[in-house]
Amino acid sequence: MEQKLFDSELKVMEHLWRDGDLTAGALAKRLAEETGWNRNTTYTVIKKLIDKGAVERREPNFLCHALVSKEAVRRKEAEGLLEKLFNGSPSLLFSSFLGDGKALPPEEIDRLRELIERLK
């Protein structure tokens, strides 16, 4: 999957990631309750996800199966954000968070240290 997922598509994917395979009808019902979407809107979004290679339609009952993991989508989104706003520089990204005077909780600092050590 090379294309970016839009917010509406991520709403569908969140259900599939959390609960596993679901029928299109079950997704439509959940998203109607959650967002107010009608059935056609949900089916249109599912179709777009199928076209992008993020979801596979299985039978019986138009069962939707996620073909991409949440981690893969997160990584792709993070890479896009890094490239778009910070010229691909992780240090610019971190300095933008740390440069506004906010203190990081000690556990976040420890987590960042661990990440940096693993990258060395």
PDB file of N, CA and C in Angstrom:
ATOM      1  N   MET A   1       0.841  -1.173   0.000  1.00  0.00           N
ATOM      2  CA  MET A   1       0.000   0.000   0.000  1.00  0.00           C
ATOM      3  C   MET A   1       0.889   1.240   0.000  1.00  0.00           C
ATOM      4  N   GLU A   2       0.789   2.013  -1.049  1.00  0.00           N
ATOM      5  CA  GLU A   2       1.649   3.185  -1.197  1.00  0.00           C
ATOM      6  C   GLU A   2       0.925   4.490  -0.882  1.00  0.00           C
ATOM      7  N   GLN A   3      -0.400   4.467  -0.950  1.00  0.00           N
ATOM      8  CA  GLN A   3      -1.148   5.709  -0.819  1.00  0.00           C
ATOM      9  C   GLN A   3      -1.467   6.022   0.640  1.00  0.00           C
ATOM     10  N   LYS A   4      -1.588   7.302   0.910  1.00  0.00           N
ATOM     11  CA  LYS A   4      -1.953   7.788   2.229  1.00  0.00           C
ATOM     12  C   LYS A   4      -3.395   7.408   2.537  1.00  0.00           C
ATOM     13  N   LEU A   5      -3.656   7.117   3.813  1.00  0.00           N
ATOM     14  CA  LEU A   5      -5.029   6.874   4.249  1.00  0.00           C
ATOM     15  C   LEU A   5      -5.587   8.159   4.843  1.00  0.00           C
ATOM     16  N   PHE A   6      -6.790   8.497   4.439  1.00  0.00           N
ATOM     17  CA  PHE A   6      -7.449   9.702   4.932  1.00  0.00           C
ATOM     18  C   PHE A   6      -8.189   9.396   6.234  1.00  0.00           C
ATOM     19  N   ASP A   7      -8.602  10.434   6.938  1.00  0.00           N
ATOM     20  CA  ASP A   7      -9.248  10.278   8.238  1.00  0.00           C
ATOM     21  C   ASP A   7     -10.446   9.332   8.179  1.00  0.00           C
ATOM     22  N   SER A   8     -11.273   9.450   7.160  1.00  0.00           N
ATOM     23  CA  SER A   8     -12.443   8.580   7.046  1.00  0.00           C
ATOM     24  C   SER A   8     -12.011   7.126   6.887  1.00  0.00           C
ATOM     25  N   GLU A   9     -10.960   6.896   6.137  1.00  0.00           N
ATOM     26  CA  GLU A   9     -10.453   5.542   5.934  1.00  0.00           C
ATOM     27  C   GLU A   9      -9.856   4.981   7.224  1.00  0.00           C
ATOM     28  N   LEU A  10      -9.209   5.847   7.983  1.00  0.00           N
ATOM     29  CA  LEU A  10      -8.641   5.411   9.257  1.00  0.00           C
ATOM     30  C   LEU A  10      -9.726   5.016  10.244  1.00  0.00           C
ATOM     31  N   LYS A  11     -10.894   5.634  10.172  1.00  0.00           N
ATOM     32  CA  LYS A  11     -12.013   5.249  11.048  1.00  0.00           C
ATOM     33  C   LYS A  11     -12.406   3.795  10.800  1.00  0.00           C
ATOM     34  N   VAL A  12     -12.476   3.406   9.535  1.00  0.00           N
ATOM     35  CA  VAL A  12     -12.789   2.014   9.198  1.00  0.00           C
ATOM     36  C   VAL A  12     -11.656   1.107   9.661  1.00  0.00           C
ATOM     37  N   MET A  13     -10.421   1.498   9.376  1.00  0.00           N
ATOM     38  CA  MET A  13      -9.275   0.660   9.727  1.00  0.00           C
ATOM     39  C   MET A  13      -9.172   0.446  11.236  1.00  0.00           C
ATOM     40  N   GLU A  14      -9.483   1.462  12.019  1.00  0.00           N
ATOM     41  CA  GLU A  14      -9.407   1.324  13.481  1.00  0.00           C
ATOM     42  C   GLU A  14     -10.279   0.177  13.959  1.00  0.00           C
ATOM     43  N   HIS A  15     -11.462   0.029  13.385  1.00  0.00           N
ATOM     44  CA  HIS A  15     -12.343  -1.075  13.763  1.00  0.00           C
ATOM     45  C   HIS A  15     -11.734  -2.422  13.373  1.00  0.00           C
ATOM     46  N   LEU A  16     -11.162  -2.492  12.189  1.00  0.00           N
ATOM     47  CA  LEU A  16     -10.566  -3.744  11.729  1.00  0.00           C
ATOM     48  C   LEU A  16      -9.329  -4.093  12.544  1.00  0.00           C
ATOM     49  N   TRP A  17      -8.520  -3.104  12.876  1.00  0.00           N
ATOM     50  CA  TRP A  17      -7.331  -3.361  13.685  1.00  0.00           C
ATOM     51  C   TRP A  17      -7.717  -3.818  15.093  1.00  0.00           C
ATOM     52  N   ARG A  18      -8.707  -3.193  15.645  1.00  0.00           N
ATOM     53  CA  ARG A  18      -9.102  -3.495  17.022  1.00  0.00           C
ATOM     54  C   ARG A  18      -9.845  -4.831  17.127  1.00  0.00           C
ATOM     55  N   ASP A  19     -10.765  -5.071  16.184  1.00  0.00           N
ATOM     56  CA  ASP A  19     -11.678  -6.205  16.325  1.00  0.00           C
ATOM     57  C   ASP A  19     -11.444  -7.333  15.333  1.00  0.00           C
ATOM     58  N   GLY A  20     -10.526  -7.156  14.387  1.00  0.00           N
ATOM     59  CA  GLY A  20     -10.299  -8.174  13.376  1.00  0.00           C
ATOM     60  C   GLY A  20     -11.311  -8.068  12.248  1.00  0.00           C
ATOM     61  N   ASP A  21     -11.431  -9.117  11.466  1.00  0.00           N
ATOM     62  CA  ASP A  21     -12.303  -9.108  10.290  1.00  0.00           C
ATOM     63  C   ASP A  21     -13.759  -8.817  10.685  1.00  0.00           C
ATOM     64  N   LEU A  22     -14.383  -7.943   9.899  1.00  0.00           N
ATOM     65  CA  LEU A  22     -15.786  -7.583  10.107  1.00  0.00           C
ATOM     66  C   LEU A  22     -16.484  -7.521   8.759  1.00  0.00           C
ATOM     67  N   THR A  23     -17.766  -7.809   8.746  1.00  0.00           N
ATOM     68  CA  THR A  23     -18.524  -7.655   7.506  1.00  0.00           C
ATOM     69  C   THR A  23     -18.737  -6.173   7.233  1.00  0.00           C
ATOM     70  N   ALA A  24     -18.969  -5.861   5.983  1.00  0.00           N
ATOM     71  CA  ALA A  24     -19.255  -4.469   5.616  1.00  0.00           C
ATOM     72  C   ALA A  24     -20.497  -3.973   6.357  1.00  0.00           C
ATOM     73  N   GLY A  25     -21.476  -4.860   6.507  1.00  0.00           N
ATOM     74  CA  GLY A  25     -22.695  -4.481   7.239  1.00  0.00           C
ATOM     75  C   GLY A  25     -22.417  -4.134   8.682  1.00  0.00           C
ATOM     76  N   ALA A  26     -21.561  -4.922   9.345  1.00  0.00           N
ATOM     77  CA  ALA A  26     -21.209  -4.637  10.740  1.00  0.00           C
ATOM     78  C   ALA A  26     -20.446  -3.319  10.848  1.00  0.00           C
ATOM     79  N   LEU A  27     -19.548  -3.080   9.904  1.00  0.00           N
ATOM     80  CA  LEU A  27     -18.821  -1.806   9.892  1.00  0.00           C
ATOM     81  C   LEU A  27     -19.787  -0.644   9.695  1.00  0.00           C
ATOM     82  N   ALA A  28     -20.729  -0.806   8.772  1.00  0.00           N
ATOM     83  CA  ALA A  28     -21.698   0.264   8.501  1.00  0.00           C
ATOM     84  C   ALA A  28     -22.515   0.571   9.747  1.00  0.00           C
ATOM     85  N   LYS A  29     -22.926  -0.453  10.453  1.00  0.00           N
ATOM     86  CA  LYS A  29     -23.711  -0.247  11.668  1.00  0.00           C
ATOM     87  C   LYS A  29     -22.900   0.486  12.737  1.00  0.00           C
ATOM     88  N   ARG A  30     -21.673   0.043  12.949  1.00  0.00           N
ATOM     89  CA  ARG A  30     -20.815   0.685  13.947  1.00  0.00           C
ATOM     90  C   ARG A  30     -20.536   2.146  13.604  1.00  0.00           C
ATOM     91  N   LEU A  31     -20.229   2.398  12.327  1.00  0.00           N
ATOM     92  CA  LEU A  31     -19.889   3.765  11.934  1.00  0.00           C
ATOM     93  C   LEU A  31     -21.116   4.667  11.896  1.00  0.00           C
ATOM     94  N   ALA A  32     -22.291   4.103  11.670  1.00  0.00           N
ATOM     95  CA  ALA A  32     -23.524   4.902  11.762  1.00  0.00           C
ATOM     96  C   ALA A  32     -23.717   5.382  13.192  1.00  0.00           C
ATOM     97  N   GLU A  33     -23.484   4.495  14.146  1.00  0.00           N
ATOM     98  CA  GLU A  33     -23.622   4.861  15.564  1.00  0.00           C
ATOM     99  C   GLU A  33     -22.533   5.832  16.006  1.00  0.00           C
ATOM    100  N   GLU A  34     -21.327   5.597  15.528  1.00  0.00           N
ATOM    101  CA  GLU A  34     -20.167   6.374  15.967  1.00  0.00           C
ATOM    102  C   GLU A  34     -20.070   7.743  15.294  1.00  0.00           C
ATOM    103  N   THR A  35     -20.355   7.792  13.992  1.00  0.00           N
ATOM    104  CA  THR A  35     -20.105   9.022  13.233  1.00  0.00           C
ATOM    105  C   THR A  35     -21.337   9.587  12.538  1.00  0.00           C
ATOM    106  N   GLY A  36     -22.410   8.785  12.478  1.00  0.00           N
ATOM    107  CA  GLY A  36     -23.597   9.235  11.767  1.00  0.00           C
ATOM    108  C   GLY A  36     -23.565   8.942  10.272  1.00  0.00           C
ATOM    109  N   TRP A  37     -22.572   8.189   9.825  1.00  0.00           N
ATOM    110  CA  TRP A  37     -22.494   7.852   8.405  1.00  0.00           C
ATOM    111  C   TRP A  37     -23.670   6.969   8.006  1.00  0.00           C
ATOM    112  N   ASN A  38     -24.122   7.120   6.760  1.00  0.00           N
ATOM    113  CA  ASN A  38     -25.102   6.167   6.251  1.00  0.00           C
ATOM    114  C   ASN A  38     -24.349   4.988   5.630  1.00  0.00           C
ATOM    115  N   ARG A  39     -25.087   3.938   5.324  1.00  0.00           N
ATOM    116  CA  ARG A  39     -24.492   2.700   4.797  1.00  0.00           C
ATOM    117  C   ARG A  39     -23.671   2.966   3.536  1.00  0.00           C
ATOM    118  N   ASN A  40     -24.190   3.804   2.631  1.00  0.00           N
ATOM    119  CA  ASN A  40     -23.485   4.081   1.374  1.00  0.00           C
ATOM    120  C   ASN A  40     -22.130   4.743   1.612  1.00  0.00           C
ATOM    121  N   THR A  41     -22.069   5.629   2.588  1.00  0.00           N
ATOM    122  CA  THR A  41     -20.803   6.295   2.905  1.00  0.00           C
ATOM    123  C   THR A  41     -19.767   5.267   3.353  1.00  0.00           C
ATOM    124  N   THR A  42     -20.167   4.378   4.253  1.00  0.00           N
ATOM    125  CA  THR A  42     -19.243   3.347   4.734  1.00  0.00           C
ATOM    126  C   THR A  42     -18.788   2.461   3.586  1.00  0.00           C
ATOM    127  N   TYR A  43     -19.714   2.041   2.735  1.00  0.00           N
ATOM    128  CA  TYR A  43     -19.354   1.171   1.617  1.00  0.00           C
ATOM    129  C   TYR A  43     -18.414   1.876   0.638  1.00  0.00           C
ATOM    130  N   THR A  44     -18.612   3.170   0.437  1.00  0.00           N
ATOM    131  CA  THR A  44     -17.717   3.941  -0.433  1.00  0.00           C
ATOM    132  C   THR A  44     -16.304   3.974   0.147  1.00  0.00           C
ATOM    133  N   VAL A  45     -16.200   4.190   1.454  1.00  0.00           N
ATOM    134  CA  VAL A  45     -14.888   4.234   2.104  1.00  0.00           C
ATOM    135  C   VAL A  45     -14.224   2.857   2.040  1.00  0.00           C
ATOM    136  N   ILE A  46     -14.989   1.805   2.265  1.00  0.00           N
ATOM    137  CA  ILE A  46     -14.441   0.453   2.163  1.00  0.00           C
ATOM    138  C   ILE A  46     -13.917   0.207   0.750  1.00  0.00           C
ATOM    139  N   LYS A  47     -14.673   0.617  -0.254  1.00  0.00           N
ATOM    140  CA  LYS A  47     -14.257   0.449  -1.660  1.00  0.00           C
ATOM    141  C   LYS A  47     -12.926   1.157  -1.908  1.00  0.00           C
ATOM    142  N   LYS A  48     -12.774   2.363  -1.379  1.00  0.00           N
ATOM    143  CA  LYS A  48     -11.518   3.104  -1.536  1.00  0.00           C
ATOM    144  C   LYS A  48     -10.360   2.363  -0.873  1.00  0.00           C
ATOM    145  N   LEU A  49     -10.617   1.783   0.296  1.00  0.00           N
ATOM    146  CA  LEU A  49      -9.580   1.025   0.989  1.00  0.00           C
ATOM    147  C   LEU A  49      -9.191  -0.233   0.213  1.00  0.00           C
ATOM    148  N   ILE A  50     -10.165  -0.869  -0.417  1.00  0.00           N
ATOM    149  CA  ILE A  50      -9.884  -2.038  -1.254  1.00  0.00           C
ATOM    150  C   ILE A  50      -9.034  -1.617  -2.450  1.00  0.00           C
ATOM    151  N   ASP A  51      -9.418  -0.503  -3.092  1.00  0.00           N
ATOM    152  CA  ASP A  51      -8.667  -0.007  -4.254  1.00  0.00           C
ATOM    153  C   ASP A  51      -7.222   0.348  -3.888  1.00  0.00           C
ATOM    154  N   LYS A  52      -6.998   0.801  -2.664  1.00  0.00           N
ATOM    155  CA  LYS A  52      -5.654   1.174  -2.206  1.00  0.00           C
ATOM    156  C   LYS A  52      -4.842  -0.034  -1.740  1.00  0.00           C
ATOM    157  N   GLY A  53      -5.484  -1.177  -1.623  1.00  0.00           N
ATOM    158  CA  GLY A  53      -4.778  -2.360  -1.158  1.00  0.00           C
ATOM    159  C   GLY A  53      -4.643  -2.442   0.343  1.00  0.00           C
ATOM    160  N   ALA A  54      -5.446  -1.676   1.069  1.00  0.00           N
ATOM    161  CA  ALA A  54      -5.392  -1.689   2.528  1.00  0.00           C
ATOM    162  C   ALA A  54      -6.358  -2.709   3.124  1.00  0.00           C
ATOM    163  N   VAL A  55      -7.404  -3.041   2.364  1.00  0.00           N
ATOM    164  CA  VAL A  55      -8.433  -3.978   2.823  1.00  0.00           C
ATOM    165  C   VAL A  55      -8.706  -4.970   1.703  1.00  0.00           C
ATOM    166  N   GLU A  56      -9.002  -6.180   2.115  1.00  0.00           N
ATOM    167  CA  GLU A  56      -9.377  -7.228   1.172  1.00  0.00           C
ATOM    168  C   GLU A  56     -10.817  -7.647   1.469  1.00  0.00           C
ATOM    169  N   ARG A  57     -11.593  -7.831   0.407  1.00  0.00           N
ATOM    170  CA  ARG A  57     -12.963  -8.317   0.555  1.00  0.00           C
ATOM    171  C   ARG A  57     -12.945  -9.838   0.453  1.00  0.00           C
ATOM    172  N   ARG A  58     -13.548 -10.484   1.438  1.00  0.00           N
ATOM    173  CA  ARG A  58     -13.634 -11.941   1.448  1.00  0.00           C
ATOM    174  C   ARG A  58     -15.096 -12.344   1.522  1.00  0.00           C
ATOM    175  N   GLU A  59     -15.368 -13.499   0.980  1.00  0.00           N
ATOM    176  CA  GLU A  59     -16.711 -14.058   1.076  1.00  0.00           C
ATOM    177  C   GLU A  59     -16.693 -15.160   2.126  1.00  0.00           C
ATOM    178  N   PRO A  60     -17.800 -15.431   2.772  1.00  0.00           N
ATOM    179  CA  PRO A  60     -19.133 -14.903   2.505  1.00  0.00           C
ATOM    180  C   PRO A  60     -19.367 -13.573   3.216  1.00  0.00           C
ATOM    181  N   ASN A  61     -20.440 -12.957   2.831  1.00  0.00           N
ATOM    182  CA  ASN A  61     -20.977 -11.776   3.526  1.00  0.00           C
ATOM    183  C   ASN A  61     -20.115 -10.532   3.453  1.00  0.00           C
ATOM    184  N   PHE A  62     -19.302 -10.374   2.386  1.00  0.00           N
ATOM    185  CA  PHE A  62     -18.494  -9.165   2.231  1.00  0.00           C
ATOM    186  C   PHE A  62     -17.682  -8.908   3.502  1.00  0.00           C
ATOM    187  N   LEU A  63     -16.883  -9.901   3.869  1.00  0.00           N
ATOM    188  CA  LEU A  63     -16.037  -9.801   5.048  1.00  0.00           C
ATOM    189  C   LEU A  63     -14.819  -8.940   4.722  1.00  0.00           C
ATOM    190  N   CYS A  64     -14.563  -7.937   5.545  1.00  0.00           N
ATOM    191  CA  CYS A  64     -13.438  -7.020   5.327  1.00  0.00           C
ATOM    192  C   CYS A  64     -12.258  -7.446   6.197  1.00  0.00           C
ATOM    193  N   HIS A  65     -11.101  -7.557   5.569  1.00  0.00           N
ATOM    194  CA  HIS A  65      -9.874  -7.990   6.237  1.00  0.00           C
ATOM    195  C   HIS A  65      -8.778  -6.950   5.987  1.00  0.00           C
ATOM    196  N   ALA A  66      -8.167  -6.447   7.055  1.00  0.00           N
ATOM    197  CA  ALA A  66      -7.081  -5.468   6.930  1.00  0.00           C
ATOM    198  C   ALA A  66      -5.839  -6.131   6.352  1.00  0.00           C
ATOM    199  N   LEU A  67      -5.278  -5.535   5.321  1.00  0.00           N
ATOM    200  CA  LEU A  67      -4.049  -6.039   4.701  1.00  0.00           C
ATOM    201  C   LEU A  67      -2.818  -5.284   5.176  1.00  0.00           C
ATOM    202  N   VAL A  68      -3.020  -4.183   5.878  1.00  0.00           N
ATOM    203  CA  VAL A  68      -1.902  -3.403   6.417  1.00  0.00           C
ATOM    204  C   VAL A  68      -2.078  -3.274   7.930  1.00  0.00           C
ATOM    205  N   SER A  69      -0.974  -3.271   8.629  1.00  0.00           N
ATOM    206  CA  SER A  69      -1.025  -3.160  10.090  1.00  0.00           C
ATOM    207  C   SER A  69      -1.094  -1.691  10.504  1.00  0.00           C
ATOM    208  N   LYS A  70      -1.563  -1.489  11.703  1.00  0.00           N
ATOM    209  CA  LYS A  70      -1.615  -0.139  12.262  1.00  0.00           C
ATOM    210  C   LYS A  70      -0.198   0.440  12.357  1.00  0.00           C
ATOM    211  N   GLU A  71       0.759  -0.407  12.720  1.00  0.00           N
ATOM    212  CA  GLU A  71       2.145   0.045  12.850  1.00  0.00           C
ATOM    213  C   GLU A  71       2.703   0.508  11.510  1.00  0.00           C
ATOM    214  N   ALA A  72       2.377  -0.215  10.445  1.00  0.00           N
ATOM    215  CA  ALA A  72       2.862   0.177   9.112  1.00  0.00           C
ATOM    216  C   ALA A  72       2.273   1.518   8.692  1.00  0.00           C
ATOM    217  N   VAL A  73       0.998   1.731   8.987  1.00  0.00           N
ATOM    218  CA  VAL A  73       0.353   3.005   8.640  1.00  0.00           C
ATOM    219  C   VAL A  73       0.948   4.130   9.485  1.00  0.00           C
ATOM    220  N   ARG A  74       1.163   3.878  10.759  1.00  0.00           N
ATOM    221  CA  ARG A  74       1.781   4.889  11.626  1.00  0.00           C
ATOM    222  C   ARG A  74       3.154   5.291  11.095  1.00  0.00           C
ATOM    223  N   ARG A  75       3.934   4.278  10.737  1.00  0.00           N
ATOM    224  CA  ARG A  75       5.290   4.544  10.243  1.00  0.00           C
ATOM    225  C   ARG A  75       5.243   5.384   8.968  1.00  0.00           C
ATOM    226  N   LYS A  76       4.355   5.021   8.057  1.00  0.00           N
ATOM    227  CA  LYS A  76       4.231   5.762   6.798  1.00  0.00           C
ATOM    228  C   LYS A  76       3.781   7.208   7.050  1.00  0.00           C
ATOM    229  N   GLU A  77       2.813   7.388   7.936  1.00  0.00           N
ATOM    230  CA  GLU A  77       2.333   8.732   8.274  1.00  0.00           C
ATOM    231  C   GLU A  77       3.447   9.558   8.928  1.00  0.00           C
ATOM    232  N   ALA A  78       4.193   8.927   9.835  1.00  0.00           N
ATOM    233  CA  ALA A  78       5.281   9.635  10.517  1.00  0.00           C
ATOM    234  C   ALA A  78       6.361  10.045   9.530  1.00  0.00           C
ATOM    235  N   GLU A  79       6.693   9.143   8.602  1.00  0.00           N
ATOM    236  CA  GLU A  79       7.701   9.468   7.588  1.00  0.00           C
ATOM    237  C   GLU A  79       7.234  10.629   6.717  1.00  0.00           C
ATOM    238  N   GLY A  80       5.959  10.618   6.353  1.00  0.00           N
ATOM    239  CA  GLY A  80       5.409  11.701   5.540  1.00  0.00           C
ATOM    240  C   GLY A  80       5.443  13.032   6.270  1.00  0.00           C
ATOM    241  N   LEU A  81       5.071  13.009   7.546  1.00  0.00           N
ATOM    242  CA  LEU A  81       5.099  14.229   8.362  1.00  0.00           C
ATOM    243  C   LEU A  81       6.527  14.739   8.511  1.00  0.00           C
ATOM    244  N   LEU A  82       7.436  13.828   8.780  1.00  0.00           N
ATOM    245  CA  LEU A  82       8.847  14.199   8.937  1.00  0.00           C
ATOM    246  C   LEU A  82       9.375  14.854   7.667  1.00  0.00           C
ATOM    247  N   GLU A  83       9.054  14.251   6.532  1.00  0.00           N
ATOM    248  CA  GLU A  83       9.520  14.789   5.244  1.00  0.00           C
ATOM    249  C   GLU A  83       8.857  16.122   4.933  1.00  0.00           C
ATOM    250  N   LYS A  84       7.551  16.198   5.126  1.00  0.00           N
ATOM    251  CA  LYS A  84       6.774  17.385   4.748  1.00  0.00           C
ATOM    252  C   LYS A  84       7.104  18.612   5.598  1.00  0.00           C
ATOM    253  N   LEU A  85       7.222  18.422   6.901  1.00  0.00           N
ATOM    254  CA  LEU A  85       7.368  19.572   7.791  1.00  0.00           C
ATOM    255  C   LEU A  85       8.777  19.800   8.326  1.00  0.00           C
ATOM    256  N   PHE A  86       9.629  18.754   8.277  1.00  0.00           N
ATOM    257  CA  PHE A  86      10.933  18.871   8.912  1.00  0.00           C
ATOM    258  C   PHE A  86      12.077  18.463   7.992  1.00  0.00           C
ATOM    259  N   ASN A  87      11.842  18.505   6.693  1.00  0.00           N
ATOM    260  CA  ASN A  87      12.870  18.166   5.707  1.00  0.00           C
ATOM    261  C   ASN A  87      13.552  16.825   6.000  1.00  0.00           C
ATOM    262  N   GLY A  88      12.790  15.884   6.547  1.00  0.00           N
ATOM    263  CA  GLY A  88      13.322  14.562   6.829  1.00  0.00           C
ATOM    264  C   GLY A  88      14.226  14.480   8.040  1.00  0.00           C
ATOM    265  N   SER A  89      14.279  15.526   8.844  1.00  0.00           N
ATOM    266  CA  SER A  89      15.208  15.593   9.972  1.00  0.00           C
ATOM    267  C   SER A  89      14.516  15.267  11.303  1.00  0.00           C
ATOM    268  N   PRO A  90      14.828  14.109  11.894  1.00  0.00           N
ATOM    269  CA  PRO A  90      14.245  13.793  13.208  1.00  0.00           C
ATOM    270  C   PRO A  90      14.647  14.801  14.288  1.00  0.00           C
ATOM    271  N   SER A  91      15.862  15.338  14.201  1.00  0.00           N
ATOM    272  CA  SER A  91      16.284  16.294  15.229  1.00  0.00           C
ATOM    273  C   SER A  91      15.468  17.582  15.171  1.00  0.00           C
ATOM    274  N   LEU A  92      15.084  18.014  13.954  1.00  0.00           N
ATOM    275  CA  LEU A  92      14.208  19.189  13.850  1.00  0.00           C
ATOM    276  C   LEU A  92      12.836  18.898  14.444  1.00  0.00           C
ATOM    277  N   LEU A  93      12.335  17.706  14.218  1.00  0.00           N
ATOM    278  CA  LEU A  93      11.049  17.303  14.796  1.00  0.00           C
ATOM    279  C   LEU A  93      11.109  17.354  16.313  1.00  0.00           C
ATOM    280  N   PHE A  94      12.131  16.716  16.892  1.00  0.00           N
ATOM    281  CA  PHE A  94      12.244  16.711  18.348  1.00  0.00           C
ATOM    282  C   PHE A  94      12.446  18.106  18.911  1.00  0.00           C
ATOM    283  N   SER A  95      13.260  18.901  18.252  1.00  0.00           N
ATOM    284  CA  SER A  95      13.501  20.249  18.778  1.00  0.00           C
ATOM    285  C   SER A  95      12.242  21.100  18.700  1.00  0.00           C
ATOM    286  N   SER A  96      11.360  20.831  17.754  1.00  0.00           N
ATOM    287  CA  SER A  96      10.107  21.590  17.697  1.00  0.00           C
ATOM    288  C   SER A  96       9.226  21.255  18.898  1.00  0.00           C
ATOM    289  N   PHE A  97       9.265  20.019  19.366  1.00  0.00           N
ATOM    290  CA  PHE A  97       8.501  19.640  20.545  1.00  0.00           C
ATOM    291  C   PHE A  97       9.140  20.166  21.817  1.00  0.00           C
ATOM    292  N   LEU A  98      10.450  20.124  21.864  1.00  0.00           N
ATOM    293  CA  LEU A  98      11.156  20.488  23.087  1.00  0.00           C
ATOM    294  C   LEU A  98      11.443  21.977  23.178  1.00  0.00           C
ATOM    295  N   GLY A  99      11.398  22.672  22.058  1.00  0.00           N
ATOM    296  CA  GLY A  99      11.749  24.083  22.039  1.00  0.00           C
ATOM    297  C   GLY A  99      10.688  25.014  22.579  1.00  0.00           C
ATOM    298  N   ASP A 100       9.497  24.493  22.868  1.00  0.00           N
ATOM    299  CA  ASP A 100       8.440  25.391  23.339  1.00  0.00           C
ATOM    300  C   ASP A 100       8.373  25.495  24.854  1.00  0.00           C
ATOM    301  N   GLY A 101       9.368  24.949  25.534  1.00  0.00           N
ATOM    302  CA  GLY A 101       9.440  25.096  26.987  1.00  0.00           C
ATOM    303  C   GLY A 101       8.658  24.061  27.778  1.00  0.00           C
ATOM    304  N   LYS A 102       7.988  23.139  27.097  1.00  0.00           N
ATOM    305  CA  LYS A 102       7.251  22.106  27.818  1.00  0.00           C
ATOM    306  C   LYS A 102       8.235  21.098  28.400  1.00  0.00           C
ATOM    307  N   ALA A 103       7.982  20.709  29.627  1.00  0.00           N
ATOM    308  CA  ALA A 103       8.814  19.690  30.249  1.00  0.00           C
ATOM    309  C   ALA A 103       8.260  18.316  29.899  1.00  0.00           C
ATOM    310  N   LEU A 104       9.159  17.413  29.564  1.00  0.00           N
ATOM    311  CA  LEU A 104       8.739  16.046  29.291  1.00  0.00           C
ATOM    312  C   LEU A 104       8.719  15.265  30.599  1.00  0.00           C
ATOM    313  N   PRO A 105       7.742  14.390  30.752  1.00  0.00           N
ATOM    314  CA  PRO A 105       7.737  13.531  31.946  1.00  0.00           C
ATOM    315  C   PRO A 105       8.969  12.616  31.937  1.00  0.00           C
ATOM    316  N   PRO A 106       9.475  12.265  33.083  1.00  0.00           N
ATOM    317  CA  PRO A 106      10.689  11.432  33.155  1.00  0.00           C
ATOM    318  C   PRO A 106      10.573  10.125  32.359  1.00  0.00           C
ATOM    319  N   GLU A 107       9.394   9.506  32.351  1.00  0.00           N
ATOM    320  CA  GLU A 107       9.256   8.244  31.619  1.00  0.00           C
ATOM    321  C   GLU A 107       9.384   8.454  30.113  1.00  0.00           C
ATOM    322  N   GLU A 108       8.968   9.614  29.602  1.00  0.00           N
ATOM    323  CA  GLU A 108       9.136   9.924  28.181  1.00  0.00           C
ATOM    324  C   GLU A 108      10.612  10.147  27.856  1.00  0.00           C
ATOM    325  N   ILE A 109      11.301  10.825  28.745  1.00  0.00           N
ATOM    326  CA  ILE A 109      12.743  11.046  28.550  1.00  0.00           C
ATOM    327  C   ILE A 109      13.476   9.710  28.532  1.00  0.00           C
ATOM    328  N   ASP A 110      13.114   8.816  29.447  1.00  0.00           N
ATOM    329  CA  ASP A 110      13.737   7.485  29.478  1.00  0.00           C
ATOM    330  C   ASP A 110      13.442   6.720  28.187  1.00  0.00           C
ATOM    331  N   ARG A 111      12.220   6.801  27.699  1.00  0.00           N
ATOM    332  CA  ARG A 111      11.849   6.110  26.469  1.00  0.00           C
ATOM    333  C   ARG A 111      12.647   6.641  25.279  1.00  0.00           C
ATOM    334  N   LEU A 112      12.808   7.971  25.216  1.00  0.00           N
ATOM    335  CA  LEU A 112      13.601   8.562  24.137  1.00  0.00           C
ATOM    336  C   LEU A 112      15.063   8.131  24.221  1.00  0.00           C
ATOM    337  N   ARG A 113      15.606   8.091  25.435  1.00  0.00           N
ATOM    338  CA  ARG A 113      16.990   7.623  25.607  1.00  0.00           C
ATOM    339  C   ARG A 113      17.156   6.201  25.108  1.00  0.00           C
ATOM    340  N   GLU A 114      16.194   5.336  25.453  1.00  0.00           N
ATOM    341  CA  GLU A 114      16.255   3.944  25.023  1.00  0.00           C
ATOM    342  C   GLU A 114      16.217   3.843  23.500  1.00  0.00           C
ATOM    343  N   LEU A 115      15.359   4.627  22.874  1.00  0.00           N
ATOM    344  CA  LEU A 115      15.281   4.633  21.411  1.00  0.00           C
ATOM    345  C   LEU A 115      16.599   5.067  20.786  1.00  0.00           C
ATOM    346  N   ILE A 116      17.182   6.100  21.327  1.00  0.00           N
ATOM    347  CA  ILE A 116      18.447   6.616  20.784  1.00  0.00           C
ATOM    348  C   ILE A 116      19.559   5.585  20.968  1.00  0.00           C
ATOM    349  N   GLU A 117      19.591   4.939  22.108  1.00  0.00           N
ATOM    350  CA  GLU A 117      20.621   3.919  22.358  1.00  0.00           C
ATOM    351  C   GLU A 117      20.480   2.755  21.378  1.00  0.00           C
ATOM    352  N   ARG A 118      19.256   2.348  21.078  1.00  0.00           N
ATOM    353  CA  ARG A 118      19.041   1.247  20.133  1.00  0.00           C
ATOM    354  C   ARG A 118      19.469   1.620  18.723  1.00  0.00           C
ATOM    355  N   LEU A 119      19.400   2.917  18.408  1.00  0.00           N
ATOM    356  CA  LEU A 119      19.763   3.378  17.067  1.00  0.00           C
ATOM    357  C   LEU A 119      21.269   3.519  16.877  1.00  0.00           C
ATOM    358  N   LYS A 120      22.015   3.600  17.955  1.00  0.00           N
ATOM    359  CA  LYS A 120      23.475   3.781  17.863  1.00  0.00           C
ATOM    360  C   LYS A 120      24.154   2.571  17.284  1.00  0.00           C
TER     361      LYS A 120
END
